Protein backbone atom coordinates (compact mmCIF):
# COMPACT_ATOMS: atom_id res chain seq x y z
CA MET A 1 15.79 -17.50 -27.77
CA GLN A 2 12.76 -16.96 -25.57
CA ARG A 3 10.40 -14.02 -25.26
CA LEU A 4 10.10 -11.95 -22.13
CA VAL A 5 6.53 -11.73 -20.78
CA LEU A 6 5.72 -8.39 -19.14
CA TRP A 7 2.55 -7.81 -17.10
CA SER A 8 1.32 -4.21 -17.06
CA PRO A 9 0.82 -2.63 -13.61
CA ALA A 10 -2.94 -2.43 -14.26
CA VAL A 11 -3.11 -6.18 -14.93
CA ARG A 12 -1.03 -7.03 -11.86
CA ASN A 13 -3.31 -4.85 -9.74
CA LYS A 14 -6.45 -6.41 -11.20
CA LEU A 15 -5.19 -9.95 -10.60
CA SER A 16 -4.39 -9.08 -6.99
CA GLN A 17 -8.01 -7.91 -6.56
CA PHE A 18 -9.54 -11.17 -7.81
CA ARG A 19 -11.78 -12.81 -5.22
CA SER A 20 -14.01 -15.85 -5.25
CA GLU A 21 -16.89 -16.48 -2.86
CA ARG A 22 -16.28 -20.22 -3.11
CA PHE A 23 -12.63 -20.22 -2.09
CA SER A 24 -10.49 -18.87 0.72
CA PRO A 25 -8.03 -16.03 0.03
CA GLU A 26 -5.16 -18.56 0.13
CA GLU A 27 -6.84 -20.84 -2.41
CA THR A 28 -7.60 -17.85 -4.64
CA PHE A 29 -3.97 -16.70 -4.45
CA ASP A 30 -2.82 -20.20 -5.41
CA PHE A 31 -5.24 -20.19 -8.35
CA ILE A 32 -3.96 -16.83 -9.64
CA SER A 33 -0.36 -18.00 -9.21
CA GLN A 34 -1.15 -21.10 -11.25
CA LEU A 35 -2.82 -18.94 -13.92
CA ILE A 36 0.38 -16.89 -14.23
CA LEU A 37 2.56 -20.02 -14.30
CA GLU A 38 0.46 -21.48 -17.11
CA THR A 39 0.23 -18.25 -19.11
CA GLU A 40 3.90 -17.27 -19.25
CA PRO A 41 5.22 -20.41 -21.02
CA VAL A 42 2.51 -20.15 -23.66
CA LEU A 43 3.30 -16.50 -24.40
CA SER A 44 7.07 -16.89 -24.19
CA ASN A 45 7.01 -19.66 -26.80
CA LEU A 46 8.20 -18.36 -30.17
CA ILE A 47 5.35 -20.21 -31.90
CA LEU A 48 2.00 -18.98 -30.62
CA SER A 49 -0.66 -21.28 -31.98
CA LYS A 50 -3.65 -20.46 -29.77
CA ALA A 51 -3.77 -16.67 -30.13
CA TYR A 52 -6.54 -14.75 -31.85
CA THR A 53 -6.68 -11.08 -32.79
CA GLU A 54 -9.63 -9.03 -31.55
CA GLU A 55 -11.36 -7.35 -34.48
CA GLY A 56 -13.59 -4.93 -32.58
CA GLY A 57 -14.36 -3.46 -29.20
CA THR A 58 -12.11 -2.14 -26.48
CA TYR A 59 -9.25 -4.51 -27.29
CA ALA A 60 -9.35 -4.28 -31.11
CA GLY A 61 -5.99 -5.12 -32.62
CA LEU A 62 -4.66 -6.93 -29.55
CA SER A 63 -4.00 -10.65 -29.56
CA ARG A 64 -5.94 -12.84 -27.14
CA ILE A 65 -5.52 -16.21 -25.50
CA VAL A 66 -7.77 -17.95 -22.99
CA VAL A 67 -6.26 -19.65 -19.95
CA LYS A 68 -8.55 -21.17 -17.31
CA ARG A 69 -11.46 -19.13 -18.77
CA PHE A 70 -9.53 -15.86 -18.24
CA ARG A 71 -9.16 -13.83 -21.44
CA ILE A 72 -5.66 -12.41 -21.68
CA TYR A 73 -5.00 -9.56 -24.14
CA PHE A 74 -1.43 -8.96 -25.23
CA GLU A 75 0.80 -7.46 -27.87
CA GLN A 76 4.14 -8.65 -29.17
CA GLN A 77 6.79 -5.94 -29.38
CA GLU A 78 10.05 -7.25 -30.81
CA ASN A 79 11.15 -9.91 -28.32
CA ASP A 80 8.74 -8.88 -25.55
CA VAL A 81 5.12 -9.80 -24.93
CA TRP A 82 3.17 -7.11 -23.07
CA ILE A 83 -0.01 -8.21 -21.30
CA PHE A 84 -2.33 -5.20 -21.36
CA ALA A 85 -5.61 -6.61 -20.02
CA VAL A 86 -7.17 -9.62 -18.34
CA LEU A 87 -10.89 -10.30 -18.23
CA PHE A 88 -12.17 -12.60 -15.51
CA PRO A 89 -14.55 -15.44 -16.41
CA GLY A 90 -17.97 -13.94 -17.16
CA GLU A 91 -16.64 -10.37 -17.36
CA LYS A 92 -17.58 -8.35 -20.44
């Protein structure tokens, strides 16, 4: 059995807005696609070994993993994993 990873509309919108001054829009799109492809297998695995739970702040109580310096906040609900927020590298 594998978990279903669900990206909230706010996260999908935020990822589509990501831009880098160093890379072309095509390279940036490829980077975000790779981020998604690397994130989903980790979160869909029944044994999450690299997740931490935020103890304070805006995302208190949500689990967090870091992929390519992006902080990804999620919550497990039965057999689904909901991604509620993504913070870009350097974003507070």
